[in-house]
Amino acid sequence: MGSMILMPEELTAENGAKSLLIGEFFETRHHECRDCEGDGCFNCDYKGEFIEKIPVSWTTIKAIYRMAVKKYGKPVPNHGGVVSDGTMGT
């Protein structure tokens, strides 16, 4: 197993994650040029298509992170000896 790090259980605006991650991830979609119907023209740089770059929503980023935390996250003791799942640490 690789090295481990501690990360927040949730992504929030309060912990700085939203400002860090918004606008960092995109999906791309290829569309046929509407002007030339794929034949190639000046508007599509003679490629017959254009690429749309769509930002991944904050809701989707949080859902992906939540799934990673659920799969790979391990409770760790906090300062009072209680782990994040509410049980006592050893």
N, C-alpha and C. Protein backbone atom coordinates (compact mmCIF):
# COMPACT_ATOMS: atom_id res chain seq x y z
N MET A 1 0.85 -1.19 0.00
CA MET A 1 0.00 0.00 0.00
C MET A 1 0.88 1.23 0.00
N GLY A 2 0.46 2.26 -0.72
CA GLY A 2 1.20 3.52 -0.79
C GLY A 2 1.12 4.29 0.51
N SER A 3 1.74 5.43 0.54
CA SER A 3 1.71 6.26 1.74
C SER A 3 0.30 6.78 1.99
N MET A 4 0.02 7.10 3.23
CA MET A 4 -1.32 7.53 3.64
C MET A 4 -1.27 8.99 4.09
N ILE A 5 -2.40 9.69 3.94
CA ILE A 5 -2.55 11.07 4.40
C ILE A 5 -3.91 11.23 5.05
N LEU A 6 -4.06 12.23 5.86
CA LEU A 6 -5.35 12.57 6.45
C LEU A 6 -6.01 13.63 5.58
N MET A 7 -7.29 13.46 5.33
CA MET A 7 -8.06 14.42 4.55
C MET A 7 -9.41 14.61 5.22
N PRO A 8 -10.10 15.72 4.93
CA PRO A 8 -11.42 15.92 5.53
C PRO A 8 -12.41 14.84 5.08
N GLU A 9 -13.35 14.54 5.94
CA GLU A 9 -14.38 13.55 5.61
C GLU A 9 -15.33 14.08 4.53
N GLU A 10 -15.53 15.39 4.49
CA GLU A 10 -16.42 16.01 3.50
C GLU A 10 -15.73 17.20 2.85
N LEU A 11 -16.12 17.48 1.61
CA LEU A 11 -15.67 18.70 0.94
C LEU A 11 -16.70 19.79 1.20
N THR A 12 -16.23 20.93 1.66
CA THR A 12 -17.15 22.05 1.95
C THR A 12 -16.50 23.36 1.53
N ALA A 13 -17.31 24.38 1.44
CA ALA A 13 -16.78 25.73 1.21
C ALA A 13 -15.98 26.17 2.43
N GLU A 14 -16.44 25.76 3.62
CA GLU A 14 -15.80 26.18 4.86
C GLU A 14 -14.37 25.65 4.99
N ASN A 15 -14.11 24.43 4.51
CA ASN A 15 -12.75 23.89 4.63
C ASN A 15 -11.89 24.24 3.42
N GLY A 16 -12.40 25.08 2.53
CA GLY A 16 -11.62 25.57 1.39
C GLY A 16 -11.66 24.70 0.15
N ALA A 17 -12.32 23.57 0.23
CA ALA A 17 -12.33 22.63 -0.89
C ALA A 17 -13.07 23.20 -2.11
N LYS A 18 -14.17 23.89 -1.87
CA LYS A 18 -14.97 24.40 -3.00
C LYS A 18 -14.16 25.37 -3.84
N SER A 19 -13.52 26.33 -3.22
CA SER A 19 -12.74 27.30 -4.00
C SER A 19 -11.53 26.65 -4.66
N LEU A 20 -11.01 25.59 -4.06
CA LEU A 20 -9.87 24.88 -4.63
C LEU A 20 -10.26 24.06 -5.85
N LEU A 21 -11.42 23.42 -5.81
CA LEU A 21 -11.77 22.43 -6.83
C LEU A 21 -12.71 22.92 -7.93
N ILE A 22 -13.51 23.94 -7.65
CA ILE A 22 -14.43 24.43 -8.69
C ILE A 22 -13.63 24.93 -9.89
N GLY A 23 -14.00 24.46 -11.06
CA GLY A 23 -13.33 24.88 -12.28
C GLY A 23 -12.07 24.10 -12.62
N GLU A 24 -11.75 23.08 -11.83
CA GLU A 24 -10.54 22.29 -12.08
C GLU A 24 -10.81 21.06 -12.95
N PHE A 25 -12.05 20.58 -12.98
CA PHE A 25 -12.38 19.34 -13.69
C PHE A 25 -13.42 19.61 -14.76
N PHE A 26 -13.22 19.00 -15.92
CA PHE A 26 -14.11 19.21 -17.06
C PHE A 26 -14.38 17.88 -17.76
N GLU A 27 -15.52 17.81 -18.41
CA GLU A 27 -15.82 16.75 -19.37
C GLU A 27 -15.80 17.40 -20.73
N THR A 28 -15.42 16.64 -21.74
CA THR A 28 -15.46 17.19 -23.09
C THR A 28 -16.47 16.41 -23.92
N ARG A 29 -17.17 17.13 -24.75
CA ARG A 29 -18.13 16.53 -25.67
C ARG A 29 -17.83 17.02 -27.08
N HIS A 30 -17.84 16.10 -28.01
CA HIS A 30 -17.61 16.43 -29.41
C HIS A 30 -18.96 16.59 -30.10
N HIS A 31 -19.12 17.67 -30.84
CA HIS A 31 -20.36 17.95 -31.55
C HIS A 31 -20.04 18.22 -33.02
N GLU A 32 -20.91 17.74 -33.89
CA GLU A 32 -20.78 18.06 -35.30
C GLU A 32 -21.07 19.54 -35.49
N CYS A 33 -20.30 20.17 -36.35
CA CYS A 33 -20.51 21.59 -36.64
C CYS A 33 -21.89 21.79 -37.27
N ARG A 34 -22.65 22.70 -36.72
CA ARG A 34 -24.00 22.97 -37.23
C ARG A 34 -23.97 23.73 -38.54
N ASP A 35 -22.91 24.49 -38.75
CA ASP A 35 -22.83 25.31 -39.96
C ASP A 35 -22.53 24.48 -41.21
N CYS A 36 -21.67 23.47 -41.07
CA CYS A 36 -21.27 22.70 -42.26
C CYS A 36 -21.71 21.24 -42.20
N GLU A 37 -22.40 20.87 -41.12
CA GLU A 37 -22.88 19.50 -40.91
C GLU A 37 -21.75 18.48 -41.02
N GLY A 38 -20.57 18.84 -40.53
CA GLY A 38 -19.44 17.91 -40.47
C GLY A 38 -18.51 17.93 -41.66
N ASP A 39 -18.80 18.75 -42.66
CA ASP A 39 -17.94 18.79 -43.85
C ASP A 39 -16.67 19.61 -43.63
N GLY A 40 -16.69 20.50 -42.68
CA GLY A 40 -15.54 21.37 -42.42
C GLY A 40 -15.77 22.75 -43.01
N CYS A 41 -15.59 23.75 -42.20
CA CYS A 41 -15.77 25.13 -42.64
C CYS A 41 -14.92 26.05 -41.77
N PHE A 42 -14.97 27.32 -42.09
CA PHE A 42 -14.21 28.32 -41.35
C PHE A 42 -14.58 28.33 -39.86
N ASN A 43 -15.88 28.19 -39.56
CA ASN A 43 -16.36 28.28 -38.17
C ASN A 43 -15.85 27.14 -37.28
N CYS A 44 -15.59 25.97 -37.88
CA CYS A 44 -15.11 24.83 -37.08
C CYS A 44 -13.63 24.55 -37.35
N ASP A 45 -12.96 25.52 -37.95
CA ASP A 45 -11.54 25.37 -38.26
C ASP A 45 -11.30 24.19 -39.22
N TYR A 46 -12.28 23.95 -40.06
CA TYR A 46 -12.25 22.91 -41.09
C TYR A 46 -12.10 21.49 -40.51
N LYS A 47 -12.59 21.31 -39.29
CA LYS A 47 -12.53 19.99 -38.65
C LYS A 47 -13.87 19.27 -38.71
N GLY A 48 -14.94 19.99 -38.99
CA GLY A 48 -16.26 19.37 -39.06
C GLY A 48 -16.92 19.19 -37.71
N GLU A 49 -16.23 19.56 -36.65
CA GLU A 49 -16.77 19.41 -35.30
C GLU A 49 -16.21 20.49 -34.40
N PHE A 50 -16.82 20.61 -33.24
CA PHE A 50 -16.27 21.46 -32.21
C PHE A 50 -16.33 20.71 -30.90
N ILE A 51 -15.47 21.07 -29.99
CA ILE A 51 -15.40 20.41 -28.69
C ILE A 51 -15.94 21.35 -27.63
N GLU A 52 -16.90 20.85 -26.88
CA GLU A 52 -17.49 21.62 -25.79
C GLU A 52 -16.83 21.16 -24.49
N LYS A 53 -16.32 22.09 -23.72
CA LYS A 53 -15.68 21.80 -22.44
C LYS A 53 -16.66 22.16 -21.33
N ILE A 54 -17.14 21.15 -20.60
CA ILE A 54 -18.19 21.34 -19.60
C ILE A 54 -17.61 21.13 -18.20
N PRO A 55 -17.71 22.13 -17.33
CA PRO A 55 -17.18 21.95 -15.97
C PRO A 55 -17.99 20.92 -15.19
N VAL A 56 -17.29 20.10 -14.42
CA VAL A 56 -17.95 19.13 -13.54
C VAL A 56 -18.57 19.92 -12.39
N SER A 57 -19.82 19.62 -12.08
CA SER A 57 -20.55 20.37 -11.05
C SER A 57 -19.98 20.09 -9.66
N TRP A 58 -20.18 21.04 -8.77
CA TRP A 58 -19.76 20.89 -7.37
C TRP A 58 -20.47 19.69 -6.74
N THR A 59 -21.72 19.47 -7.07
CA THR A 59 -22.47 18.32 -6.55
C THR A 59 -21.81 17.01 -6.98
N THR A 60 -21.37 16.93 -8.22
CA THR A 60 -20.72 15.71 -8.72
C THR A 60 -19.35 15.52 -8.07
N ILE A 61 -18.59 16.59 -7.92
CA ILE A 61 -17.28 16.50 -7.27
C ILE A 61 -17.45 15.96 -5.85
N LYS A 62 -18.44 16.49 -5.12
CA LYS A 62 -18.67 16.02 -3.74
C LYS A 62 -19.10 14.56 -3.72
N ALA A 63 -19.91 14.14 -4.68
CA ALA A 63 -20.37 12.74 -4.73
C ALA A 63 -19.19 11.79 -4.99
N ILE A 64 -18.30 12.17 -5.89
CA ILE A 64 -17.12 11.34 -6.17
C ILE A 64 -16.24 11.24 -4.92
N TYR A 65 -16.01 12.37 -4.27
CA TYR A 65 -15.20 12.39 -3.06
C TYR A 65 -15.85 11.54 -1.96
N ARG A 66 -17.17 11.68 -1.80
CA ARG A 66 -17.90 10.92 -0.78
C ARG A 66 -17.73 9.42 -1.01
N MET A 67 -17.78 8.99 -2.28
CA MET A 67 -17.62 7.57 -2.58
C MET A 67 -16.20 7.10 -2.25
N ALA A 68 -15.20 7.92 -2.55
CA ALA A 68 -13.82 7.57 -2.22
C ALA A 68 -13.63 7.46 -0.71
N VAL A 69 -14.21 8.39 0.05
CA VAL A 69 -14.12 8.35 1.51
C VAL A 69 -14.78 7.08 2.03
N LYS A 70 -15.94 6.74 1.50
CA LYS A 70 -16.67 5.55 1.95
C LYS A 70 -15.86 4.28 1.67
N LYS A 71 -15.22 4.22 0.53
CA LYS A 71 -14.48 3.03 0.13
C LYS A 71 -13.12 2.94 0.82
N TYR A 72 -12.40 4.05 0.91
CA TYR A 72 -11.01 4.00 1.36
C TYR A 72 -10.73 4.69 2.69
N GLY A 73 -11.67 5.49 3.19
CA GLY A 73 -11.45 6.21 4.44
C GLY A 73 -11.46 5.29 5.64
N LYS A 74 -10.59 5.57 6.58
CA LYS A 74 -10.52 4.84 7.83
C LYS A 74 -10.68 5.84 8.97
N PRO A 75 -11.52 5.52 9.96
CA PRO A 75 -11.66 6.43 11.11
C PRO A 75 -10.32 6.59 11.84
N VAL A 76 -10.03 7.80 12.27
CA VAL A 76 -8.81 8.06 13.04
C VAL A 76 -9.18 8.76 14.33
N PRO A 77 -8.44 8.50 15.41
CA PRO A 77 -8.75 9.17 16.68
C PRO A 77 -8.58 10.68 16.56
N ASN A 78 -9.47 11.42 17.23
CA ASN A 78 -9.28 12.87 17.30
C ASN A 78 -8.64 13.20 18.64
N HIS A 79 -8.62 14.44 18.99
CA HIS A 79 -7.92 14.85 20.21
C HIS A 79 -8.53 14.26 21.47
N GLY A 80 -9.81 13.95 21.47
CA GLY A 80 -10.45 13.42 22.66
C GLY A 80 -10.47 11.90 22.72
N GLY A 81 -9.83 11.23 21.78
CA GLY A 81 -9.80 9.77 21.78
C GLY A 81 -11.02 9.14 21.13
N VAL A 82 -11.92 9.94 20.58
CA VAL A 82 -13.11 9.41 19.91
C VAL A 82 -12.85 9.48 18.40
N VAL A 83 -13.08 8.36 17.72
CA VAL A 83 -12.87 8.34 16.29
C VAL A 83 -14.10 8.88 15.59
N SER A 84 -13.97 9.17 14.31
CA SER A 84 -15.03 9.85 13.59
C SER A 84 -16.31 9.02 13.48
N ASP A 85 -16.24 7.70 13.70
CA ASP A 85 -17.47 6.89 13.65
C ASP A 85 -18.17 6.84 15.00
N GLY A 86 -17.65 7.59 15.98
CA GLY A 86 -18.31 7.70 17.29
C GLY A 86 -17.82 6.69 18.31
N THR A 87 -16.97 5.75 17.94
CA THR A 87 -16.45 4.76 18.89
C THR A 87 -15.17 5.28 19.54
N MET A 88 -14.75 4.64 20.59
CA MET A 88 -13.52 5.05 21.27
C MET A 88 -12.32 4.45 20.55
N GLY A 89 -11.29 5.25 20.31
CA GLY A 89 -10.05 4.77 19.69
C GLY A 89 -9.24 3.97 20.67
N THR A 90 -8.28 3.19 20.16
CA THR A 90 -7.43 2.40 21.05
C THR A 90 -6.08 3.03 21.24
